[in-house]
Amino acid sequence: MSELIGQDSSQTPDSTLSESAIGCVYRSDDTLDAAVVQVLALGVDAEALHIGASDARRAQAVAQRHGIHADVHPDDPLADLVALGRNGSARAAIDQSGMIGALIGACSGIAISFTSVGALIPVPHAALQLANAGFYFVLGAVVGSVLGAALGPQASTHAGFRLIDGMQEGAYALIVVAPQNRHDELQKVLEAAGGTGITRV
């Protein structure tokens, strides 16, 4: 069994990250233990189960009882498990899209100045190109940033907010790394054992 079992593996390289996982919150050891047993009974490998809590010692105790990983971090539970964007990469996508949108907007504003539409802004004709460039620069930046947030990588903290809230309230977060086609089956088992805040990514 891997030496990571029951230990922290926060240095997991990106190449080993999974594409999907399902997780939830348990507020007692009994419900958590029952959930782990039932998930393992489905044939899920212990290597795929990850546990976390605001008190790392509690998570370690559960991990040692069941031979699973205790590597779910209270502030970013999905960061080292699933291939989602971290806060930095998600923010970078927004910034990059905003800048591209701004540049396109500025160029468009200058081009529009030579058409009849460009005269809609009430400024002296000599300042029309500058006014249009500035207006569409701002408009492009806003539109680009919105599209960057919508289409860019989802921040792992956004995807796992239910798990973060649960651990902050003293509960456990259990994450099962599994393909999407098993999520429905796993969700039924996790909820039947008392899991709340189901998170599927």
Protein backbone atom coordinates (compact mmCIF):
# COMPACT_ATOMS: atom_id res chain seq x y z
CA MET A 1 0.00 0.00 0.00
CA SER A 2 1.27 3.45 -0.81
CA GLU A 3 3.25 5.28 1.83
CA LEU A 4 0.83 8.18 1.36
CA ILE A 5 -1.95 6.25 3.09
CA GLY A 6 -2.86 7.99 6.33
CA GLN A 7 -0.35 10.72 5.59
CA ASP A 8 -0.35 14.18 4.09
CA SER A 9 0.40 14.23 0.36
CA SER A 10 0.13 17.93 -0.37
CA GLN A 11 2.97 17.76 -2.86
CA THR A 12 1.05 15.65 -5.38
CA PRO A 13 2.35 16.51 -8.85
CA ASP A 14 -0.18 17.91 -11.33
CA SER A 15 0.33 14.97 -13.68
CA THR A 16 -1.30 12.65 -11.15
CA LEU A 17 -4.44 14.72 -10.60
CA SER A 18 -7.77 13.12 -11.40
CA GLU A 19 -10.32 14.58 -13.77
CA SER A 20 -13.30 13.93 -11.49
CA ALA A 21 -14.26 13.30 -7.89
CA ILE A 22 -17.26 13.37 -5.58
CA GLY A 23 -17.21 14.53 -1.98
CA CYS A 24 -19.43 15.38 0.96
CA VAL A 25 -19.45 16.30 4.63
CA TYR A 26 -19.95 14.07 7.70
CA ARG A 27 -20.54 15.49 11.13
CA SER A 28 -19.75 12.41 13.22
CA ASP A 29 -17.23 9.59 13.27
CA ASP A 30 -19.98 6.96 13.14
CA THR A 31 -21.55 8.25 9.93
CA LEU A 32 -18.15 8.78 8.35
CA ASP A 33 -16.96 5.26 9.24
CA ALA A 34 -20.17 3.80 7.83
CA ALA A 35 -19.73 5.76 4.60
CA VAL A 36 -16.13 4.62 4.12
CA VAL A 37 -17.08 0.98 4.69
CA GLN A 38 -19.96 1.19 2.21
CA VAL A 39 -17.87 2.94 -0.46
CA LEU A 40 -15.14 0.32 -0.12
CA ALA A 41 -17.81 -2.37 -0.39
CA LEU A 42 -18.65 -1.01 -3.85
CA GLY A 43 -15.19 -2.04 -4.98
CA VAL A 44 -13.64 1.42 -4.78
CA ASP A 45 -9.93 1.20 -3.97
CA ALA A 46 -8.84 2.69 -0.64
CA GLU A 47 -6.33 4.78 -2.60
CA ALA A 48 -9.26 6.74 -4.04
CA LEU A 49 -10.62 7.88 -0.65
CA HIS A 50 -9.40 11.12 0.92
CA ILE A 51 -10.38 12.59 4.27
CA GLY A 52 -9.90 15.99 5.85
CA ALA A 53 -10.87 18.01 8.91
CA SER A 54 -9.96 21.33 10.46
CA ASP A 55 -8.16 19.29 13.13
CA ALA A 56 -5.58 17.26 11.19
CA ARG A 57 -5.25 14.75 14.04
CA ARG A 58 -8.88 13.71 13.68
CA ALA A 59 -8.43 13.16 9.96
CA GLN A 60 -5.26 11.15 10.57
CA ALA A 61 -7.09 8.92 13.04
CA VAL A 62 -9.82 8.13 10.50
CA ALA A 63 -7.25 7.53 7.77
CA GLN A 64 -5.35 5.08 9.93
CA ARG A 65 -8.54 3.20 10.84
CA HIS A 66 -9.48 2.64 7.22
CA GLY A 67 -6.18 2.81 5.35
CA ILE A 68 -7.11 5.88 3.31
CA HIS A 69 -5.48 9.26 2.64
CA ALA A 70 -5.59 12.14 5.12
CA ASP A 71 -4.62 14.81 2.60
CA VAL A 72 -7.72 16.99 2.21
CA HIS A 73 -6.80 20.54 3.19
CA PRO A 74 -9.43 22.62 5.04
CA ASP A 75 -8.74 25.76 2.99
CA ASP A 76 -8.68 24.12 -0.48
CA PRO A 77 -9.91 20.51 -0.35
CA LEU A 78 -9.81 19.75 -4.08
CA ALA A 79 -6.52 21.45 -4.95
CA ASP A 80 -4.26 18.39 -4.87
CA LEU A 81 -6.84 15.84 -5.98
CA VAL A 82 -8.72 17.11 -9.03
CA ALA A 83 -7.45 18.96 -12.10
CA LEU A 84 -9.15 22.28 -11.41
CA GLY A 85 -7.62 25.74 -11.58
CA ARG A 86 -6.13 27.11 -8.42
CA ASN A 87 -7.06 30.61 -7.36
CA GLY A 88 -4.00 32.02 -9.11
CA SER A 89 -4.65 30.35 -12.45
CA ALA A 90 -8.33 31.27 -12.40
CA ARG A 91 -7.45 34.88 -11.63
CA ALA A 92 -4.83 34.88 -14.38
CA ALA A 93 -7.45 33.72 -16.90
CA ILE A 94 -9.73 36.62 -15.92
CA ASP A 95 -6.89 39.15 -16.16
CA GLN A 96 -5.70 37.83 -19.50
CA SER A 97 -9.19 37.82 -20.99
CA GLY A 98 -9.82 41.32 -19.67
CA MET A 99 -6.64 42.63 -21.28
CA ILE A 100 -7.39 40.97 -24.61
CA GLY A 101 -10.93 42.35 -24.50
CA ALA A 102 -9.62 45.82 -23.69
CA LEU A 103 -7.18 45.83 -26.60
CA ILE A 104 -9.83 44.59 -29.02
CA GLY A 105 -12.23 47.20 -27.66
CA ALA A 106 -9.72 50.02 -28.11
CA CYS A 107 -8.96 49.01 -31.70
CA SER A 108 -12.66 48.66 -32.42
CA GLY A 109 -13.33 52.10 -30.94
CA ILE A 110 -10.77 53.72 -33.23
CA ALA A 111 -12.23 51.92 -36.24
CA ILE A 112 -15.78 52.91 -35.30
CA SER A 113 -14.69 56.54 -35.18
CA PHE A 114 -14.53 56.52 -38.98
CA THR A 115 -18.14 55.40 -39.32
CA SER A 116 -21.44 57.17 -38.72
CA VAL A 117 -21.89 55.15 -35.51
CA GLY A 118 -18.75 56.68 -34.03
CA ALA A 119 -20.34 60.10 -33.76
CA LEU A 120 -22.77 58.90 -31.09
CA ILE A 121 -20.44 60.02 -28.29
CA PRO A 122 -20.96 63.78 -27.77
CA VAL A 123 -17.36 65.03 -27.96
CA PRO A 124 -15.55 67.39 -30.34
CA HIS A 125 -14.72 65.69 -33.62
CA ALA A 126 -10.97 66.05 -32.98
CA ALA A 127 -11.28 63.97 -29.80
CA LEU A 128 -13.64 61.36 -31.24
CA GLN A 129 -11.05 58.66 -31.84
CA LEU A 130 -9.62 59.02 -28.33
CA ALA A 131 -13.09 59.04 -26.75
CA ASN A 132 -14.20 55.95 -28.67
CA ALA A 133 -10.94 54.13 -27.93
CA GLY A 134 -11.31 54.85 -24.21
CA PHE A 135 -14.98 53.90 -24.08
CA TYR A 136 -14.58 50.62 -25.95
CA PHE A 137 -11.36 49.86 -24.06
CA VAL A 138 -13.33 49.84 -20.80
CA LEU A 139 -16.25 47.98 -22.38
CA GLY A 140 -13.93 45.36 -23.85
CA ALA A 141 -12.14 44.88 -20.53
CA VAL A 142 -15.42 44.28 -18.72
CA VAL A 143 -16.75 41.85 -21.32
CA GLY A 144 -13.41 40.03 -21.53
CA SER A 145 -13.17 39.62 -17.76
CA VAL A 146 -16.71 38.25 -17.54
CA LEU A 147 -16.03 35.74 -20.31
CA GLY A 148 -12.70 34.81 -18.73
CA ALA A 149 -14.41 34.03 -15.44
CA ALA A 150 -17.15 32.04 -17.15
CA LEU A 151 -15.00 30.07 -19.58
CA GLY A 152 -11.69 29.89 -17.72
CA PRO A 153 -10.61 27.20 -15.23
CA GLN A 154 -12.89 26.92 -12.21
CA ALA A 155 -11.08 27.73 -8.99
CA SER A 156 -10.83 24.69 -6.73
CA THR A 157 -11.96 26.76 -3.74
CA HIS A 158 -15.14 27.72 -5.60
CA ALA A 159 -15.90 24.12 -6.53
CA GLY A 160 -15.27 22.87 -3.00
CA PHE A 161 -16.94 25.61 -0.96
CA ARG A 162 -19.42 23.20 0.68
CA LEU A 163 -16.55 21.03 1.88
CA ILE A 164 -14.65 24.06 3.16
CA ASP A 165 -17.71 25.32 5.07
CA GLY A 166 -18.29 21.87 6.56
CA MET A 167 -14.73 21.55 7.86
CA GLN A 168 -14.85 25.06 9.29
CA GLU A 169 -17.92 23.95 11.24
CA GLY A 170 -16.00 20.99 12.68
CA ALA A 171 -17.16 18.26 10.31
CA TYR A 172 -15.17 15.83 8.15
CA ALA A 173 -14.86 16.12 4.37
CA LEU A 174 -14.72 12.84 2.49
CA ILE A 175 -13.67 12.88 -1.17
CA VAL A 176 -13.79 9.89 -3.49
CA VAL A 177 -11.75 10.15 -6.67
CA ALA A 178 -13.82 8.31 -9.25
CA PRO A 179 -14.91 8.60 -12.89
CA GLN A 180 -18.06 10.58 -13.67
CA ASN A 181 -19.99 7.43 -14.61
CA ARG A 182 -19.83 6.26 -10.98
CA HIS A 183 -20.91 9.51 -9.35
CA ASP A 184 -24.63 8.70 -9.24
CA GLU A 185 -23.98 5.36 -7.57
CA LEU A 186 -21.54 6.87 -5.09
CA GLN A 187 -23.83 9.79 -4.29
CA LYS A 188 -26.61 7.44 -3.25
CA VAL A 189 -24.28 5.60 -0.90
CA LEU A 190 -22.74 8.75 0.54
CA GLU A 191 -26.11 10.38 1.19
CA ALA A 192 -27.59 7.18 2.62
CA ALA A 193 -24.77 7.14 5.17
CA GLY A 194 -25.61 10.71 6.24
CA GLY A 195 -23.45 12.77 3.93
CA THR A 196 -24.44 16.36 3.14
CA GLY A 197 -23.09 19.08 0.87
CA ILE A 198 -22.53 16.74 -2.07
CA THR A 199 -19.84 18.15 -4.34
CA ARG A 200 -19.29 16.66 -7.81
CA VAL A 201 -16.46 17.83 -10.05
